[in-house]
PDB file of all heavy atoms in Angstrom:
ATOM      1  N   ASP A   1     -46.014  27.678  26.157  1.00  0.00           N
ATOM      2  CA  ASP A   1     -45.471  28.411  27.293  1.00  0.00           C
ATOM      3  C   ASP A   1     -44.465  29.328  26.850  1.00  0.00           C
ATOM      4  O   ASP A   1     -44.441  30.495  27.390  1.00  0.00           O
ATOM      5  CB  ASP A   1     -44.919  27.323  28.318  1.00  0.00           C
ATOM      6  CG  ASP A   1     -46.010  26.515  28.958  1.00  0.00           C
ATOM      7  OD1 ASP A   1     -47.151  26.976  28.943  1.00  0.00           O
ATOM      8  OD2 ASP A   1     -45.660  25.367  29.396  1.00  0.00           O
ATOM      9  N   SER A   2     -43.528  28.912  26.045  1.00  0.00           N
ATOM     10  CA  SER A   2     -42.450  29.829  25.627  1.00  0.00           C
ATOM     11  C   SER A   2     -42.984  30.992  24.768  1.00  0.00           C
ATOM     12  O   SER A   2     -42.517  32.134  24.955  1.00  0.00           O
ATOM     13  CB  SER A   2     -41.401  29.059  24.834  1.00  0.00           C
ATOM     14  OG  SER A   2     -41.808  28.416  23.687  1.00  0.00           O
ATOM     15  N   LEU A   3     -43.956  30.726  23.948  1.00  0.00           N
ATOM     16  CA  LEU A   3     -44.567  31.773  23.119  1.00  0.00           C
ATOM     17  C   LEU A   3     -45.245  32.784  23.994  1.00  0.00           C
ATOM     18  O   LEU A   3     -45.294  33.965  23.687  1.00  0.00           O
ATOM     19  CB  LEU A   3     -45.506  31.159  22.106  1.00  0.00           C
ATOM     20  CG  LEU A   3     -44.817  30.490  20.988  1.00  0.00           C
ATOM     21  CD1 LEU A   3     -45.876  29.588  20.235  1.00  0.00           C
ATOM     22  CD2 LEU A   3     -44.185  31.379  19.974  1.00  0.00           C
ATOM     23  N   SER A   4     -45.820  32.319  25.176  1.00  0.00           N
ATOM     24  CA  SER A   4     -46.518  33.216  26.019  1.00  0.00           C
ATOM     25  C   SER A   4     -45.559  34.273  26.699  1.00  0.00           C
ATOM     26  O   SER A   4     -46.052  35.342  27.192  1.00  0.00           O
ATOM     27  CB  SER A   4     -47.313  32.523  27.115  1.00  0.00           C
ATOM     28  OG  SER A   4     -46.371  31.909  28.064  1.00  0.00           O
ATOM     29  N   LEU A   5     -44.286  33.981  26.722  1.00  0.00           N
ATOM     30  CA  LEU A   5     -43.294  34.885  27.289  1.00  0.00           C
ATOM     31  C   LEU A   5     -42.874  35.970  26.283  1.00  0.00           C
ATOM     32  O   LEU A   5     -42.322  36.986  26.636  1.00  0.00           O
ATOM     33  CB  LEU A   5     -42.037  34.141  27.749  1.00  0.00           C
ATOM     34  CG  LEU A   5     -42.303  33.049  28.810  1.00  0.00           C
ATOM     35  CD1 LEU A   5     -41.029  32.285  29.065  1.00  0.00           C
ATOM     36  CD2 LEU A   5     -42.829  33.647  30.128  1.00  0.00           C
ATOM     37  N   MET A   6     -43.118  35.688  25.019  1.00  0.00           N
ATOM     38  CA  MET A   6     -42.619  36.632  23.985  1.00  0.00           C
ATOM     39  C   MET A   6     -43.452  37.855  23.801  1.00  0.00           C
ATOM     40  O   MET A   6     -44.626  37.884  24.093  1.00  0.00           O
ATOM     41  CB  MET A   6     -42.459  35.845  22.712  1.00  0.00           C
ATOM     42  CG  MET A   6     -41.427  34.735  22.703  1.00  0.00           C
ATOM     43  SD  MET A   6     -41.182  33.847  21.205  1.00  0.00           S
ATOM     44  CE  MET A   6     -40.405  35.079  20.184  1.00  0.00           C
ATOM     45  N   LYS A   7     -42.885  38.921  23.314  1.00  0.00           N
ATOM     46  CA  LYS A   7     -43.571  40.125  23.029  1.00  0.00           C
ATOM     47  C   LYS A   7     -44.595  39.861  21.834  1.00  0.00           C
ATOM     48  O   LYS A   7     -44.323  39.095  20.940  1.00  0.00           O
ATOM     49  CB  LYS A   7     -42.530  41.194  22.534  1.00  0.00           C
ATOM     50  CG  LYS A   7     -41.496  41.572  23.535  1.00  0.00           C
ATOM     51  CD  LYS A   7     -40.529  42.552  22.915  1.00  0.00           C
ATOM     52  CE  LYS A   7     -39.389  42.898  23.857  1.00  0.00           C
ATOM     53  NZ  LYS A   7     -38.425  43.854  23.297  1.00  0.00           N
ATOM     54  N   SER A   8     -45.688  40.554  21.904  1.00  0.00           N
ATOM     55  CA  SER A   8     -46.690  40.425  20.823  1.00  0.00           C
ATOM     56  C   SER A   8     -46.132  41.054  19.529  1.00  0.00           C
ATOM     57  O   SER A   8     -46.661  40.696  18.431  1.00  0.00           O
ATOM     58  CB  SER A   8     -48.022  41.091  21.255  1.00  0.00           C
ATOM     59  OG  SER A   8     -47.797  42.513  21.470  1.00  0.00           O
ATOM     60  N   SER A   9     -45.151  41.851  19.577  1.00  0.00           N
ATOM     61  CA  SER A   9     -44.512  42.458  18.436  1.00  0.00           C
ATOM     62  C   SER A   9     -43.337  41.646  17.889  1.00  0.00           C
ATOM     63  O   SER A   9     -42.685  42.114  16.904  1.00  0.00           O
ATOM     64  CB  SER A   9     -44.032  43.843  18.767  1.00  0.00           C
ATOM     65  OG  SER A   9     -43.072  43.824  19.871  1.00  0.00           O
ATOM     66  N   ALA A  10     -43.048  40.536  18.522  1.00  0.00           N
ATOM     67  CA  ALA A  10     -41.819  39.767  18.180  1.00  0.00           C
ATOM     68  C   ALA A  10     -41.975  38.974  16.914  1.00  0.00           C
ATOM     69  O   ALA A  10     -43.076  38.618  16.466  1.00  0.00           O
ATOM     70  CB  ALA A  10     -41.458  38.811  19.366  1.00  0.00           C
ATOM     71  N   ILE A  11     -40.879  38.594  16.424  1.00  0.00           N
ATOM     72  CA  ILE A  11     -40.755  37.801  15.171  1.00  0.00           C
ATOM     73  C   ILE A  11     -39.891  36.543  15.467  1.00  0.00           C
ATOM     74  O   ILE A  11     -38.796  36.729  16.053  1.00  0.00           O
ATOM     75  CB  ILE A  11     -40.061  38.631  13.987  1.00  0.00           C
ATOM     76  CG1 ILE A  11     -40.861  39.832  13.646  1.00  0.00           C
ATOM     77  CG2 ILE A  11     -39.790  37.708  12.746  1.00  0.00           C
ATOM     78  CD1 ILE A  11     -40.150  40.865  12.802  1.00  0.00           C
ATOM     79  N   LEU A  12     -40.403  35.363  14.994  1.00  0.00           N
ATOM     80  CA  LEU A  12     -39.699  34.159  15.154  1.00  0.00           C
ATOM     81  C   LEU A  12     -39.141  33.706  13.827  1.00  0.00           C
ATOM     82  O   LEU A  12     -39.862  33.654  12.856  1.00  0.00           O
ATOM     83  CB  LEU A  12     -40.616  33.078  15.711  1.00  0.00           C
ATOM     84  CG  LEU A  12     -39.997  31.694  15.811  1.00  0.00           C
ATOM     85  CD1 LEU A  12     -39.005  31.576  17.019  1.00  0.00           C
ATOM     86  CD2 LEU A  12     -41.134  30.575  16.069  1.00  0.00           C
ATOM     87  N   ILE A  13     -37.915  33.284  13.785  1.00  0.00           N
ATOM     88  CA  ILE A  13     -37.218  32.780  12.597  1.00  0.00           C
ATOM     89  C   ILE A  13     -36.728  31.351  12.867  1.00  0.00           C
ATOM     90  O   ILE A  13     -36.010  31.155  13.903  1.00  0.00           O
ATOM     91  CB  ILE A  13     -36.006  33.662  12.200  1.00  0.00           C
ATOM     92  CG1 ILE A  13     -36.492  35.175  11.980  1.00  0.00           C
ATOM     93  CG2 ILE A  13     -35.463  33.120  10.894  1.00  0.00           C
ATOM     94  CD1 ILE A  13     -37.429  35.330  10.832  1.00  0.00           C
ATOM     95  N   ASN A  14     -37.084  30.384  12.060  1.00  0.00           N
ATOM     96  CA  ASN A  14     -36.585  29.053  12.284  1.00  0.00           C
ATOM     97  C   ASN A  14     -36.065  28.542  10.892  1.00  0.00           C
ATOM     98  O   ASN A  14     -36.696  28.219  10.009  1.00  0.00           O
ATOM     99  CB  ASN A  14     -37.686  28.114  12.715  1.00  0.00           C
ATOM    100  CG  ASN A  14     -37.137  26.728  13.042  1.00  0.00           C
ATOM    101  OD1 ASN A  14     -35.943  26.502  13.176  1.00  0.00           O
ATOM    102  ND2 ASN A  14     -38.080  25.752  13.145  1.00  0.00           N
ATOM    103  N   THR A  15     -34.714  28.417  10.941  1.00  0.00           N
ATOM    104  CA  THR A  15     -34.024  27.854   9.768  1.00  0.00           C
ATOM    105  C   THR A  15     -33.260  26.612  10.276  1.00  0.00           C
ATOM    106  O   THR A  15     -32.384  26.086   9.576  1.00  0.00           O
ATOM    107  CB  THR A  15     -33.007  28.803   9.138  1.00  0.00           C
ATOM    108  OG1 THR A  15     -32.065  29.250  10.097  1.00  0.00           O
ATOM    109  CG2 THR A  15     -33.688  29.977   8.487  1.00  0.00           C
ATOM    110  N   GLY A  16     -33.557  26.136  11.544  1.00  0.00           N
ATOM    111  CA  GLY A  16     -32.912  25.021  12.088  1.00  0.00           C
ATOM    112  C   GLY A  16     -33.585  23.676  11.726  1.00  0.00           C
ATOM    113  O   GLY A  16     -33.188  23.034  10.732  1.00  0.00           O
ATOM    114  N   ARG A  17     -34.472  23.294  12.607  1.00  0.00           N
ATOM    115  CA  ARG A  17     -35.188  22.024  12.381  1.00  0.00           C
ATOM    116  C   ARG A  17     -36.651  22.287  12.682  1.00  0.00           C
ATOM    117  O   ARG A  17     -36.991  22.956  13.675  1.00  0.00           O
ATOM    118  CB  ARG A  17     -34.673  20.897  13.219  1.00  0.00           C
ATOM    119  CG  ARG A  17     -33.278  20.379  12.874  1.00  0.00           C
ATOM    120  CD  ARG A  17     -33.345  19.599  11.558  1.00  0.00           C
ATOM    121  NE  ARG A  17     -31.964  19.082  11.156  1.00  0.00           N
ATOM    122  CZ  ARG A  17     -31.091  19.658  10.398  1.00  0.00           C
ATOM    123  NH1 ARG A  17     -31.421  20.872   9.893  1.00  0.00           N
ATOM    124  NH2 ARG A  17     -29.965  19.087  10.130  1.00  0.00           N
ATOM    125  N   GLY A  18     -37.559  21.663  11.884  1.00  0.00           N
ATOM    126  CA  GLY A  18     -38.921  21.896  12.122  1.00  0.00           C
ATOM    127  C   GLY A  18     -39.423  21.404  13.473  1.00  0.00           C
ATOM    128  O   GLY A  18     -40.333  22.032  14.059  1.00  0.00           O
ATOM    129  N   GLY A  19     -38.801  20.409  13.986  1.00  0.00           N
ATOM    130  CA  GLY A  19     -39.240  19.814  15.220  1.00  0.00           C
ATOM    131  C   GLY A  19     -38.974  20.619  16.422  1.00  0.00           C
ATOM    132  O   GLY A  19     -39.383  20.331  17.508  1.00  0.00           O
ATOM    133  N   LEU A  20     -38.227  21.784  16.228  1.00  0.00           N
ATOM    134  CA  LEU A  20     -38.046  22.736  17.342  1.00  0.00           C
ATOM    135  C   LEU A  20     -39.305  23.440  17.774  1.00  0.00           C
ATOM    136  O   LEU A  20     -39.380  24.085  18.794  1.00  0.00           O
ATOM    137  CB  LEU A  20     -36.927  23.766  16.926  1.00  0.00           C
ATOM    138  CG  LEU A  20     -35.519  23.201  16.646  1.00  0.00           C
ATOM    139  CD1 LEU A  20     -34.655  24.325  16.080  1.00  0.00           C
ATOM    140  CD2 LEU A  20     -34.893  22.582  17.831  1.00  0.00           C
ATOM    141  N   VAL A  21     -40.271  23.443  16.869  1.00  0.00           N
ATOM    142  CA  VAL A  21     -41.487  24.235  17.027  1.00  0.00           C
ATOM    143  C   VAL A  21     -42.728  23.413  17.081  1.00  0.00           C
ATOM    144  O   VAL A  21     -42.945  22.466  16.299  1.00  0.00           O
ATOM    145  CB  VAL A  21     -41.635  25.222  15.822  1.00  0.00           C
ATOM    146  CG1 VAL A  21     -42.871  25.970  15.914  1.00  0.00           C
ATOM    147  CG2 VAL A  21     -40.445  26.206  15.774  1.00  0.00           C
ATOM    148  N   ASP A  22     -43.544  23.684  18.113  1.00  0.00           N
ATOM    149  CA  ASP A  22     -44.880  23.136  18.123  1.00  0.00           C
ATOM    150  C   ASP A  22     -45.712  23.944  17.248  1.00  0.00           C
ATOM    151  O   ASP A  22     -46.088  25.109  17.473  1.00  0.00           O
ATOM    152  CB  ASP A  22     -45.451  23.250  19.565  1.00  0.00           C
ATOM    153  CG  ASP A  22     -46.877  22.751  19.778  1.00  0.00           C
ATOM    154  OD1 ASP A  22     -47.646  22.782  18.731  1.00  0.00           O
ATOM    155  OD2 ASP A  22     -47.231  22.312  20.905  1.00  0.00           O
ATOM    156  N   GLU A  23     -46.042  23.389  15.977  1.00  0.00           N
ATOM    157  CA  GLU A  23     -46.577  24.187  14.944  1.00  0.00           C
ATOM    158  C   GLU A  23     -47.992  24.617  15.280  1.00  0.00           C
ATOM    159  O   GLU A  23     -48.444  25.749  14.866  1.00  0.00           O
ATOM    160  CB  GLU A  23     -46.502  23.332  13.654  1.00  0.00           C
ATOM    161  CG  GLU A  23     -45.079  23.159  13.182  1.00  0.00           C
ATOM    162  CD  GLU A  23     -44.906  22.199  12.006  1.00  0.00           C
ATOM    163  OE1 GLU A  23     -45.797  21.370  11.878  1.00  0.00           O
ATOM    164  OE2 GLU A  23     -43.860  22.238  11.375  1.00  0.00           O
ATOM    165  N   ASN A  24     -48.769  23.834  15.989  1.00  0.00           N
ATOM    166  CA  ASN A  24     -50.111  24.228  16.392  1.00  0.00           C
ATOM    167  C   ASN A  24     -50.053  25.440  17.312  1.00  0.00           C
ATOM    168  O   ASN A  24     -50.812  26.447  17.163  1.00  0.00           O
ATOM    169  CB  ASN A  24     -50.902  23.086  17.083  1.00  0.00           C
ATOM    170  CG  ASN A  24     -51.417  22.085  16.097  1.00  0.00           C
ATOM    171  OD1 ASN A  24     -52.136  22.437  15.092  1.00  0.00           O
ATOM    172  ND2 ASN A  24     -50.978  20.874  16.212  1.00  0.00           N
ATOM    173  N   ALA A  25     -49.109  25.401  18.254  1.00  0.00           N
ATOM    174  CA  ALA A  25     -48.957  26.492  19.190  1.00  0.00           C
ATOM    175  C   ALA A  25     -48.572  27.759  18.455  1.00  0.00           C
ATOM    176  O   ALA A  25     -48.990  28.879  18.756  1.00  0.00           O
ATOM    177  CB  ALA A  25     -47.935  26.183  20.347  1.00  0.00           C
ATOM    178  N   LEU A  26     -47.594  27.643  17.498  1.00  0.00           N
ATOM    179  CA  LEU A  26     -47.135  28.797  16.821  1.00  0.00           C
ATOM    180  C   LEU A  26     -48.255  29.375  15.948  1.00  0.00           C
ATOM    181  O   LEU A  26     -48.459  30.608  15.935  1.00  0.00           O
ATOM    182  CB  LEU A  26     -45.951  28.481  15.896  1.00  0.00           C
ATOM    183  CG  LEU A  26     -45.476  29.564  15.059  1.00  0.00           C
ATOM    184  CD1 LEU A  26     -45.057  30.820  15.817  1.00  0.00           C
ATOM    185  CD2 LEU A  26     -44.255  29.144  14.157  1.00  0.00           C
ATOM    186  N   ALA A  27     -49.011  28.555  15.293  1.00  0.00           N
ATOM    187  CA  ALA A  27     -50.174  29.000  14.459  1.00  0.00           C
ATOM    188  C   ALA A  27     -51.177  29.827  15.325  1.00  0.00           C
ATOM    189  O   ALA A  27     -51.650  30.833  14.930  1.00  0.00           O
ATOM    190  CB  ALA A  27     -50.785  27.861  13.744  1.00  0.00           C
ATOM    191  N   ASN A  28     -51.439  29.169  16.484  1.00  0.00           N
ATOM    192  CA  ASN A  28     -52.393  29.844  17.382  1.00  0.00           C
ATOM    193  C   ASN A  28     -51.913  31.216  17.832  1.00  0.00           C
ATOM    194  O   ASN A  28     -52.681  32.180  17.992  1.00  0.00           O
ATOM    195  CB  ASN A  28     -52.666  29.010  18.652  1.00  0.00           C
ATOM    196  CG  ASN A  28     -53.533  27.732  18.259  1.00  0.00           C
ATOM    197  OD1 ASN A  28     -54.209  27.771  17.254  1.00  0.00           O
ATOM    198  ND2 ASN A  28     -53.410  26.752  19.038  1.00  0.00           N
ATOM    199  N   ALA A  29     -50.617  31.320  18.147  1.00  0.00           N
ATOM    200  CA  ALA A  29     -50.046  32.586  18.602  1.00  0.00           C
ATOM    201  C   ALA A  29     -50.070  33.604  17.444  1.00  0.00           C
ATOM    202  O   ALA A  29     -50.436  34.792  17.716  1.00  0.00           O
ATOM    203  CB  ALA A  29     -48.607  32.332  19.037  1.00  0.00           C
ATOM    204  N   LEU A  30     -49.826  33.274  16.298  1.00  0.00           N
ATOM    205  CA  LEU A  30     -49.899  34.188  15.139  1.00  0.00           C
ATOM    206  C   LEU A  30     -51.330  34.612  14.921  1.00  0.00           C
ATOM    207  O   LEU A  30     -51.609  35.799  14.713  1.00  0.00           O
ATOM    208  CB  LEU A  30     -49.317  33.517  13.932  1.00  0.00           C
ATOM    209  CG  LEU A  30     -47.803  33.267  13.936  1.00  0.00           C
ATOM    210  CD1 LEU A  30     -47.349  32.370  12.844  1.00  0.00           C
ATOM    211  CD2 LEU A  30     -47.050  34.604  13.856  1.00  0.00           C
ATOM    212  N   ASN A  31     -52.207  33.690  14.860  1.00  0.00           N
ATOM    213  CA  ASN A  31     -53.639  33.967  14.506  1.00  0.00           C
ATOM    214  C   ASN A  31     -54.317  34.817  15.625  1.00  0.00           C
ATOM    215  O   ASN A  31     -55.322  35.469  15.296  1.00  0.00           O
ATOM    216  CB  ASN A  31     -54.421  32.718  14.362  1.00  0.00           C
ATOM    217  CG  ASN A  31     -53.949  31.973  13.009  1.00  0.00           C
ATOM    218  OD1 ASN A  31     -53.519  32.588  12.097  1.00  0.00           O
ATOM    219  ND2 ASN A  31     -54.079  30.592  12.963  1.00  0.00           N
ATOM    220  N   SER A  32     -53.849  34.749  16.804  1.00  0.00           N
ATOM    221  CA  SER A  32     -54.450  35.475  17.886  1.00  0.00           C
ATOM    222  C   SER A  32     -53.669  36.807  18.246  1.00  0.00           C
ATOM    223  O   SER A  32     -53.940  37.410  19.207  1.00  0.00           O
ATOM    224  CB  SER A  32     -54.551  34.677  19.139  1.00  0.00           C
ATOM    225  OG  SER A  32     -53.221  34.251  19.626  1.00  0.00           O
ATOM    226  N   ASP A  33     -52.632  37.143  17.364  1.00  0.00           N
ATOM    227  CA  ASP A  33     -51.857  38.342  17.574  1.00  0.00           C
ATOM    228  C   ASP A  33     -51.038  38.286  18.816  1.00  0.00           C
ATOM    229  O   ASP A  33     -50.598  39.338  19.310  1.00  0.00           O
ATOM    230  CB  ASP A  33     -52.737  39.561  17.566  1.00  0.00           C
ATOM    231  CG  ASP A  33     -53.355  39.821  16.164  1.00  0.00           C
ATOM    232  OD1 ASP A  33     -52.755  39.477  15.169  1.00  0.00           O
ATOM    233  OD2 ASP A  33     -54.539  40.301  16.214  1.00  0.00           O
ATOM    234  N   GLN A  34     -50.809  37.091  19.350  1.00  0.00           N
ATOM    235  CA  GLN A  34     -49.906  36.922  20.485  1.00  0.00           C
ATOM    236  C   GLN A  34     -48.473  37.081  20.018  1.00  0.00           C
ATOM    237  O   GLN A  34     -47.551  37.407  20.815  1.00  0.00           O
ATOM    238  CB  GLN A  34     -50.095  35.528  21.113  1.00  0.00           C
ATOM    239  CG  GLN A  34     -49.274  35.338  22.369  1.00  0.00           C
ATOM    240  CD  GLN A  34     -49.481  33.897  22.916  1.00  0.00           C
ATOM    241  OE1 GLN A  34     -50.386  33.220  22.440  1.00  0.00           O
ATOM    242  NE2 GLN A  34     -48.637  33.475  23.845  1.00  0.00           N
ATOM    243  N   LEU A  35     -48.187  36.753  18.727  1.00  0.00           N
ATOM    244  CA  LEU A  35     -46.878  36.952  18.108  1.00  0.00           C
ATOM    245  C   LEU A  35     -47.122  37.671  16.747  1.00  0.00           C
ATOM    246  O   LEU A  35     -48.077  37.368  16.115  1.00  0.00           O
ATOM    247  CB  LEU A  35     -46.222  35.573  17.870  1.00  0.00           C
ATOM    248  CG  LEU A  35     -44.794  35.547  17.449  1.00  0.00           C
ATOM    249  CD1 LEU A  35     -43.925  35.876  18.634  1.00  0.00           C
ATOM    250  CD2 LEU A  35     -44.403  34.180  16.879  1.00  0.00           C
ATOM    251  N   PHE A  36     -46.219  38.551  16.401  1.00  0.00           N
ATOM    252  CA  PHE A  36     -46.444  39.335  15.199  1.00  0.00           C
ATOM    253  C   PHE A  36     -46.219  38.494  13.872  1.00  0.00           C
ATOM    254  O   PHE A  36     -47.047  38.612  12.997  1.00  0.00           O
ATOM    255  CB  PHE A  36     -45.440  40.549  15.224  1.00  0.00           C
ATOM    256  CG  PHE A  36     -45.489  41.332  13.917  1.00  0.00           C
ATOM    257  CD1 PHE A  36     -46.642  41.903  13.423  1.00  0.00           C
ATOM    258  CD2 PHE A  36     -44.314  41.545  13.201  1.00  0.00           C
ATOM    259  CE1 PHE A  36     -46.714  42.575  12.266  1.00  0.00           C
ATOM    260  CE2 PHE A  36     -44.352  42.253  12.001  1.00  0.00           C
ATOM    261  CZ  PHE A  36     -45.540  42.818  11.519  1.00  0.00           C
ATOM    262  N   ALA A  37     -45.108  37.784  13.804  1.00  0.00           N
ATOM    263  CA  ALA A  37     -44.787  37.187  12.534  1.00  0.00           C
ATOM    264  C   ALA A  37     -43.816  36.029  12.796  1.00  0.00           C
ATOM    265  O   ALA A  37     -43.104  35.968  13.786  1.00  0.00           O
ATOM    266  CB  ALA A  37     -44.325  38.157  11.489  1.00  0.00           C
ATOM    267  N   ALA A  38     -43.719  35.140  11.768  1.00  0.00           N
ATOM    268  CA  ALA A  38     -42.734  34.068  11.772  1.00  0.00           C
ATOM    269  C   ALA A  38     -42.248  33.849  10.308  1.00  0.00           C
ATOM    270  O   ALA A  38     -42.987  33.985   9.411  1.00  0.00           O
ATOM    271  CB  ALA A  38     -43.327  32.766  12.336  1.00  0.00           C
ATOM    272  N   GLY A  39     -40.961  33.575  10.259  1.00  0.00           N
ATOM    273  CA  GLY A  39     -40.360  33.181   9.028  1.00  0.00           C
ATOM    274  C   GLY A  39     -39.690  31.811   9.221  1.00  0.00           C
ATOM    275  O   GLY A  39     -38.773  31.718  10.059  1.00  0.00           O
ATOM    276  N   VAL A  40     -40.142  30.813   8.485  1.00  0.00           N
ATOM    277  CA  VAL A  40     -39.657  29.428   8.721  1.00  0.00           C
ATOM    278  C   VAL A  40     -39.233  28.832   7.394  1.00  0.00           C
ATOM    279  O   VAL A  40     -39.860  29.014   6.322  1.00  0.00           O
ATOM    280  CB  VAL A  40     -40.686  28.564   9.400  1.00  0.00           C
ATOM    281  CG1 VAL A  40     -41.057  29.103  10.733  1.00  0.00           C
ATOM    282  CG2 VAL A  40     -41.900  28.306   8.558  1.00  0.00           C
ATOM    283  N   ASP A  41     -38.110  28.055   7.473  1.00  0.00           N
ATOM    284  CA  ASP A  41     -37.637  27.395   6.271  1.00  0.00           C
ATOM    285  C   ASP A  41     -37.652  25.861   6.426  1.00  0.00           C
ATOM    286  O   ASP A  41     -37.331  25.061   5.522  1.00  0.00           O
ATOM    287  CB  ASP A  41     -36.128  27.769   5.992  1.00  0.00           C
ATOM    288  CG  ASP A  41     -35.604  27.192   4.719  1.00  0.00           C
ATOM    289  OD1 ASP A  41     -36.197  27.460   3.684  1.00  0.00           O
ATOM    290  OD2 ASP A  41     -34.515  26.538   4.780  1.00  0.00           O
ATOM    291  N   VAL A  42     -38.183  25.411   7.633  1.00  0.00           N
ATOM    292  CA  VAL A  42     -38.290  23.978   7.937  1.00  0.00           C
ATOM    293  C   VAL A  42     -39.569  23.719   8.650  1.00  0.00           C
ATOM    294  O   VAL A  42     -40.083  24.556   9.419  1.00  0.00           O
ATOM    295  CB  VAL A  42     -37.028  23.588   8.835  1.00  0.00           C
ATOM    296  CG1 VAL A  42     -35.733  23.545   8.023  1.00  0.00           C
ATOM    297  CG2 VAL A  42     -36.831  24.520  10.055  1.00  0.00           C
ATOM    298  N   LEU A  43     -40.128  22.564   8.414  1.00  0.00           N
ATOM    299  CA  LEU A  43     -41.327  22.164   9.033  1.00  0.00           C
ATOM    300  C   LEU A  43     -41.156  20.722   9.638  1.00  0.00           C
ATOM    301  O   LEU A  43     -40.202  19.968   9.298  1.00  0.00           O
ATOM    302  CB  LEU A  43     -42.509  22.192   8.069  1.00  0.00           C
ATOM    303  CG  LEU A  43     -42.871  23.590   7.558  1.00  0.00           C
ATOM    304  CD1 LEU A  43     -43.898  23.492   6.446  1.00  0.00           C
ATOM    305  CD2 LEU A  43     -43.404  24.424   8.672  1.00  0.00           C
TER     306      LEU A  43
END
């Protein structure tokens, strides 16, 4: 739901905690060009 609100050109950065992100949802958003890119340091 939150990813659906974001711009398709947007970039997500997560250096906090891996559990903040639904990894399947993020992967789907990236693979479908719903989100441009992500940089993560935590899973």
